[in-house]
Amino acid sequence: MISQLTVFLENEKGRLAAACRTVADAGINMHSLNLADTADFGVVRMLVDTPEAAAEVLRAAGYRATVTPVLGVRVPNVPGGLALLLEFMDAQAANIEYGYCFSVNEGTAIDVLKVDGDSGIEEKLTAAGFEPVRPEDIYALD
């Protein structure tokens, strides 16, 4: 599992930029960002090099920030790469709460999934030929 930084922001102009500036000013490197919004607030999900430190800095600046364990899996960056992973997860009866994906190069994508329950899913993925992302891999997502 890897650690994801989750930040809840009021849906107001400039809030995302200010939160990102807070992280940057603390010398924390952001590797990915995903934003979902509603009429009143946004949920920002980030992969950063030091998620606990980023959460502390953001909380000190008045933001609501938490660190959440998520599953990151390298998949081929081809049509159907995500489908293969999701079919495997479905066969394991894994409950996926949410997910997002991003390409790291021409041949590889990272699928990030918030999975409820099964703590042995990484071992099952590895045994099936998938490549889970480890925390130290966040520094070299290529």
Protein backbone atom coordinates (compact mmCIF):
# COMPACT_ATOMS: atom_id res chain seq x y z
CA MET A 1 0.00 0.00 0.00
CA ILE A 2 1.01 3.58 -0.53
CA SER A 3 -0.10 6.68 1.34
CA GLN A 4 -2.35 9.23 -0.32
CA LEU A 5 -2.84 12.76 0.98
CA THR A 6 -6.51 13.77 0.97
CA VAL A 7 -7.48 17.42 1.41
CA PHE A 8 -11.01 18.78 1.74
CA LEU A 9 -11.37 22.29 0.33
CA GLU A 10 -14.21 24.77 0.24
CA ASN A 11 -15.31 25.21 -3.35
CA GLU A 12 -13.98 28.77 -3.60
CA LYS A 13 -11.74 30.47 -6.11
CA GLY A 14 -8.07 30.17 -5.21
CA ARG A 15 -8.37 27.44 -2.55
CA LEU A 16 -6.70 24.74 -4.64
CA ALA A 17 -3.83 27.05 -5.62
CA ALA A 18 -3.32 28.07 -2.00
CA ALA A 19 -3.26 24.47 -0.78
CA CYS A 20 -0.77 23.51 -3.49
CA ARG A 21 1.38 26.53 -2.57
CA THR A 22 1.35 25.43 1.09
CA VAL A 23 2.66 22.00 0.08
CA ALA A 24 5.27 23.49 -2.26
CA ASP A 25 6.51 26.03 0.29
CA ALA A 26 7.14 23.15 2.70
CA GLY A 27 9.48 21.60 0.13
CA ILE A 28 7.16 18.65 -0.50
CA ASN A 29 7.08 17.28 -4.03
CA MET A 30 3.70 16.38 -5.55
CA HIS A 31 3.65 13.48 -8.00
CA SER A 32 -0.05 13.38 -8.87
CA LEU A 33 -3.25 15.25 -8.11
CA ASN A 34 -6.87 14.26 -8.58
CA LEU A 35 -9.75 16.63 -7.84
CA ALA A 36 -13.43 15.82 -7.38
CA ASP A 37 -15.95 18.49 -6.52
CA THR A 38 -19.47 19.12 -5.37
CA ALA A 39 -21.33 22.40 -5.11
CA ASP A 40 -19.84 23.13 -1.69
CA PHE A 41 -16.45 21.44 -1.43
CA GLY A 42 -13.70 19.65 -3.31
CA VAL A 43 -11.79 16.51 -2.46
CA VAL A 44 -8.15 16.68 -3.54
CA ARG A 45 -6.20 13.45 -3.62
CA MET A 46 -2.43 13.74 -3.97
CA LEU A 47 0.54 11.43 -4.07
CA VAL A 48 3.43 13.31 -2.48
CA ASP A 49 6.88 12.28 -1.33
CA THR A 50 6.12 12.86 2.39
CA PRO A 51 2.37 12.52 2.96
CA GLU A 52 2.41 12.74 6.78
CA ALA A 53 4.50 15.91 6.70
CA ALA A 54 2.24 17.38 4.02
CA ALA A 55 -0.86 16.65 6.11
CA GLU A 56 0.72 18.33 9.13
CA VAL A 57 1.67 21.44 7.16
CA LEU A 58 -1.79 21.69 5.63
CA ARG A 59 -3.55 21.21 8.98
CA ALA A 60 -1.34 23.91 10.50
CA ALA A 61 -2.49 26.20 7.67
CA GLY A 62 -6.15 25.50 8.49
CA TYR A 63 -6.95 22.79 5.94
CA ARG A 64 -8.65 19.47 6.64
CA ALA A 65 -6.06 16.91 5.55
CA THR A 66 -5.72 13.16 6.13
CA VAL A 67 -3.45 10.37 4.98
CA THR A 68 -5.18 7.34 3.50
CA PRO A 69 -3.70 3.96 2.51
CA VAL A 70 -4.41 3.15 -1.14
CA LEU A 71 -3.34 0.50 -3.57
CA GLY A 72 -1.18 1.57 -6.50
CA VAL A 73 -0.68 -0.89 -9.35
CA ARG A 74 1.47 -0.57 -12.47
CA VAL A 75 -0.39 -1.73 -15.57
CA PRO A 76 0.46 -1.70 -19.25
CA ASN A 77 -0.47 1.64 -20.80
CA VAL A 78 -2.59 -0.01 -23.50
CA PRO A 79 -6.30 -0.33 -24.18
CA GLY A 80 -7.67 -2.76 -21.61
CA GLY A 81 -4.88 -2.37 -19.04
CA LEU A 82 -7.26 -1.02 -16.41
CA ALA A 83 -9.98 -3.50 -17.42
CA LEU A 84 -7.65 -6.45 -16.69
CA LEU A 85 -6.84 -5.10 -13.25
CA LEU A 86 -10.48 -4.40 -12.41
CA GLU A 87 -11.56 -7.84 -13.60
CA PHE A 88 -8.95 -9.39 -11.34
CA MET A 89 -10.09 -7.25 -8.42
CA ASP A 90 -13.69 -8.24 -9.11
CA ALA A 91 -12.72 -11.94 -9.11
CA GLN A 92 -11.18 -11.35 -5.66
CA ALA A 93 -14.47 -9.77 -4.48
CA ALA A 94 -12.52 -6.60 -3.65
CA ASN A 95 -14.67 -3.59 -2.83
CA ILE A 96 -13.23 -0.56 -4.67
CA GLU A 97 -14.41 2.68 -3.06
CA TYR A 98 -12.80 4.96 -5.66
CA GLY A 99 -9.91 5.09 -8.06
CA TYR A 100 -7.94 7.18 -10.51
CA CYS A 101 -5.23 6.51 -13.07
CA PHE A 102 -2.33 8.31 -14.68
CA SER A 103 0.31 7.49 -17.29
CA VAL A 104 3.94 7.62 -16.25
CA ASN A 105 5.43 6.86 -19.64
CA GLU A 106 4.48 5.40 -23.00
CA GLY A 107 4.35 1.84 -21.68
CA THR A 108 3.17 2.17 -18.08
CA ALA A 109 0.21 3.58 -16.21
CA ILE A 110 -0.48 3.64 -12.48
CA ASP A 111 -3.94 2.75 -11.24
CA VAL A 112 -4.66 3.99 -7.73
CA LEU A 113 -7.51 2.25 -5.93
CA LYS A 114 -9.02 2.73 -2.49
CA VAL A 115 -9.88 -0.84 -1.55
CA ASP A 116 -12.02 -1.72 1.44
CA GLY A 117 -10.98 -4.79 3.39
CA ASP A 118 -8.67 -7.49 2.00
CA SER A 119 -5.23 -6.74 3.43
CA GLY A 120 -3.68 -9.56 1.39
CA ILE A 121 -4.62 -8.09 -1.97
CA GLU A 122 -1.08 -6.97 -2.80
CA GLU A 123 0.23 -10.51 -2.46
CA LYS A 124 -2.60 -11.81 -4.65
CA LEU A 125 -1.84 -9.16 -7.26
CA THR A 126 1.85 -10.04 -7.28
CA ALA A 127 1.09 -13.77 -7.57
CA ALA A 128 -1.15 -12.99 -10.57
CA GLY A 129 1.63 -11.04 -12.33
CA PHE A 130 0.58 -7.49 -11.44
CA GLU A 131 3.10 -5.03 -10.00
CA PRO A 132 1.92 -3.17 -6.89
CA VAL A 133 3.58 0.20 -6.27
CA ARG A 134 5.60 0.39 -3.05
CA PRO A 135 6.03 3.61 -1.04
CA GLU A 136 9.63 4.03 -2.23
CA ASP A 137 8.42 3.79 -5.85
CA ILE A 138 6.62 7.13 -5.52
CA TYR A 139 9.97 8.88 -5.97
CA ALA A 140 10.53 7.20 -9.33
CA LEU A 141 7.19 6.91 -11.10
CA ASP A 142 8.55 6.10 -14.56
